[in-house]
Structures are given as structure tokens and as C-alpha cells.
Amino acid sequence: MPTSPIQMPSGYATAFAIGFTDGESSSLSLVENGRPLPVTTLSVSTPEPLTGTTATSTSTGPFLPASGRPVFITLTGIWQGSATLLRSIDGGVTQQPLTLGGDAWGTFSQNVCEPVWEEFESGAALYLAITLTSGSLTYRVAQ
């Protein structure tokens, strides 16, 4: 085990260690050069983004998000109106607006680029309902 000299004026040094269960005897196994912290790399394929440009009111989708990763929405252009992200668990037959704490969430009336949702239910899909009163909107829903 490597040592470090203690420099004055302190006569002590605070020590700490990172460890994990060894899996065999459920004992503490300290992390060191020969025994690194065990990690699992997730290789989740990202779905194709939902993208387009429209000058008319429309509904687009579905976007099928990968589980446990943030969904970003980007809205650009010179436009007036609203764009609302909707969620469906029945293939788009029923589309519900997103809410957070009981309040509307995921409805935009200006250009944005931000994370808007994180999905954990398998088979859930997102749709974008666009209501334009003027202009042209370019949208992108992606992970």
C-alpha cells in the first residue's frame, strides 16, 4: 500500500477509502490499481430523431425514446403558435399532454433547445402537436 508523508503543521491526515462488495463473501473490497471499481458500460442505441419543418399546424411522430435517457426538443424559426409534446402508450391512439406536478409541461411558444422528458416505460411514444398562426417552425425531438 503506498504511503504519503504527513506535512507540518498538521500531525494527522484524514484517510478515506472507496470499496464495494466482493460478491463472494459480501466483504468490503477496497478499490486499488489491481482491483478497480466494477462498472457496467451501457450501450443503448439511440432512436432516429423526429425532425422536420412545417408552415402549417400538424401533428408529428411517433418518437420512440430509449429508456432512461433525456429527450431533447429543439424548436427554431420565425413562428407564432405553440408546440406541445404528447405521450402515448397505445401506439398513438390516445395522446396525453405531459404534466409535472399536475401542471402543463412540454408546451412551447418560442424557440427552445432543452431536455424535456425522460422515459422509463417500454413502448411509450412521444408526438409533437404543432399549432401555427404564422411563420415556419423547424423541430427536432432526439436523444
Protein backbone atom coordinates (compact mmCIF):
# COMPACT_ATOMS: atom_id res chain seq x y z
CA MET A 1 0.00 0.00 0.00
CA PRO A 2 1.56 3.36 -0.97
CA THR A 3 2.29 5.88 1.77
CA SER A 4 2.31 9.66 1.82
CA PRO A 5 4.33 11.80 4.21
CA ILE A 6 2.36 13.99 6.60
CA GLN A 7 3.47 17.60 6.34
CA MET A 8 3.55 20.04 9.25
CA PRO A 9 1.73 21.94 10.74
CA SER A 10 -0.73 19.01 10.75
CA GLY A 11 0.16 15.93 12.73
CA TYR A 12 -2.53 13.87 11.06
CA ALA A 13 -4.19 13.28 7.68
CA THR A 14 -7.80 12.32 7.05
CA ALA A 15 -7.99 8.96 5.28
CA PHE A 16 -10.83 7.53 3.28
CA ALA A 17 -11.33 4.54 1.02
CA ILE A 18 -13.72 3.55 -1.71
CA GLY A 19 -14.84 -0.03 -1.77
CA PHE A 20 -17.50 -2.43 -2.97
CA THR A 21 -18.83 -5.81 -2.01
CA ASP A 22 -16.61 -8.57 -3.34
CA GLY A 23 -19.64 -10.67 -4.33
CA GLU A 24 -18.29 -13.87 -2.83
CA SER A 25 -18.35 -13.30 0.92
CA SER A 26 -20.12 -9.90 0.87
CA SER A 27 -16.98 -8.40 2.38
CA LEU A 28 -15.58 -4.96 1.67
CA SER A 29 -13.12 -4.97 -1.21
CA LEU A 30 -11.06 -1.78 -1.44
CA VAL A 31 -10.56 -0.11 -4.81
CA GLU A 32 -6.91 -0.08 -5.85
CA ASN A 33 -4.80 -0.44 -9.00
CA GLY A 34 -5.17 -4.20 -9.21
CA ARG A 35 -8.86 -4.14 -8.20
CA PRO A 36 -10.71 -1.26 -9.90
CA LEU A 37 -14.28 -0.25 -9.15
CA PRO A 38 -16.54 -2.55 -11.18
CA VAL A 39 -18.67 -0.66 -13.68
CA THR A 40 -21.05 -1.59 -16.43
CA THR A 41 -20.98 0.29 -19.70
CA LEU A 42 -24.41 0.79 -21.19
CA SER A 43 -24.53 0.78 -24.95
CA VAL A 44 -28.04 1.91 -25.70
CA SER A 45 -28.74 2.62 -29.31
CA THR A 46 -30.34 5.99 -29.85
CA PRO A 47 -33.51 6.21 -31.89
CA GLU A 48 -33.75 8.23 -35.07
CA PRO A 49 -34.62 11.86 -34.28
CA LEU A 50 -38.04 13.21 -35.14
CA THR A 51 -37.26 16.18 -37.38
CA GLY A 52 -38.97 18.42 -39.86
CA THR A 53 -40.10 21.88 -40.89
CA THR A 54 -43.71 22.99 -41.16
CA ALA A 55 -45.62 26.15 -42.07
CA THR A 56 -48.99 24.62 -41.15
CA SER A 57 -50.49 23.15 -37.99
CA THR A 58 -49.73 19.44 -37.79
CA SER A 59 -49.05 16.51 -35.50
CA THR A 60 -45.84 14.51 -35.94
CA GLY A 61 -44.50 11.29 -34.51
CA PRO A 62 -44.01 8.84 -33.11
CA PHE A 63 -40.63 9.27 -31.48
CA LEU A 64 -39.75 6.10 -29.55
CA PRO A 65 -37.30 7.15 -26.83
CA ALA A 66 -34.68 4.84 -25.34
CA SER A 67 -35.33 4.19 -21.68
CA GLY A 68 -33.60 6.25 -19.02
CA ARG A 69 -32.06 8.92 -21.24
CA PRO A 70 -33.11 12.56 -21.57
CA VAL A 71 -35.18 13.61 -24.56
CA PHE A 72 -34.25 16.98 -26.04
CA ILE A 73 -36.52 19.25 -28.04
CA THR A 74 -35.23 21.91 -30.39
CA LEU A 75 -37.60 24.44 -31.95
CA THR A 76 -36.25 27.09 -34.32
CA GLY A 77 -37.55 29.53 -36.88
CA ILE A 78 -39.69 32.62 -37.10
CA TRP A 79 -43.09 31.42 -35.96
CA GLN A 80 -46.06 32.11 -33.73
CA GLY A 81 -48.20 29.48 -32.13
CA SER A 82 -47.45 26.52 -29.88
CA ALA A 83 -45.75 23.15 -29.94
CA THR A 84 -46.80 20.56 -27.37
CA LEU A 85 -45.08 17.28 -26.63
CA LEU A 86 -47.58 14.46 -26.16
CA ARG A 87 -47.11 10.91 -24.79
CA SER A 88 -48.86 7.72 -25.79
CA ILE A 89 -48.70 4.14 -24.53
CA ASP A 90 -51.19 2.69 -27.02
CA GLY A 91 -49.50 3.33 -30.36
CA GLY A 92 -50.75 6.89 -30.68
CA VAL A 93 -54.48 6.19 -30.34
CA THR A 94 -54.57 8.18 -27.10
CA GLN A 95 -52.10 11.05 -26.75
CA GLN A 96 -51.77 12.79 -23.40
CA PRO A 97 -50.03 16.14 -22.79
CA LEU A 98 -47.07 15.93 -20.41
CA THR A 99 -47.54 17.26 -16.90
CA LEU A 100 -45.20 17.88 -13.99
CA GLY A 101 -46.70 18.19 -10.53
CA GLY A 102 -50.15 18.46 -12.12
CA ASP A 103 -49.19 21.46 -14.26
CA ALA A 104 -48.79 21.50 -18.04
CA TRP A 105 -45.28 20.65 -19.18
CA GLY A 106 -43.69 20.44 -22.59
CA THR A 107 -45.68 23.23 -24.29
CA PHE A 108 -43.61 25.90 -26.03
CA SER A 109 -44.41 29.17 -27.80
CA GLN A 110 -40.86 30.25 -28.71
CA ASN A 111 -37.56 28.79 -29.91
CA VAL A 112 -36.01 26.35 -27.41
CA CYS A 113 -33.29 23.77 -27.08
CA GLU A 114 -33.62 21.85 -23.82
CA PRO A 115 -34.15 18.47 -22.18
CA VAL A 116 -37.87 17.99 -21.76
CA TRP A 117 -38.59 14.39 -20.76
CA GLU A 118 -37.06 11.12 -19.60
CA GLU A 119 -38.98 7.95 -20.39
CA PHE A 120 -38.85 4.68 -18.44
CA GLU A 121 -41.87 2.79 -19.73
CA SER A 122 -41.22 0.37 -22.56
CA GLY A 123 -43.33 1.05 -25.64
CA ALA A 124 -44.18 4.65 -24.77
CA ALA A 125 -44.02 7.07 -27.69
CA LEU A 126 -43.82 10.84 -27.98
CA TYR A 127 -45.63 13.03 -30.50
CA LEU A 128 -45.38 16.73 -31.26
CA ALA A 129 -48.61 18.69 -31.80
CA ILE A 130 -47.89 21.95 -33.60
CA THR A 131 -50.43 24.77 -33.87
CA LEU A 132 -49.14 27.65 -36.01
CA THR A 133 -50.77 31.02 -36.51
CA SER A 134 -47.90 32.32 -38.69
CA GLY A 135 -44.38 31.57 -39.84
CA SER A 136 -42.43 28.38 -40.24
CA LEU A 137 -41.20 26.07 -37.46
CA THR A 138 -38.27 23.65 -37.62
CA TYR A 139 -38.42 20.97 -34.93
CA ARG A 140 -36.22 18.18 -33.63
CA VAL A 141 -37.00 15.67 -30.88
CA ALA A 142 -33.98 13.48 -30.13
CA GLN A 143 -31.78 11.76 -27.60
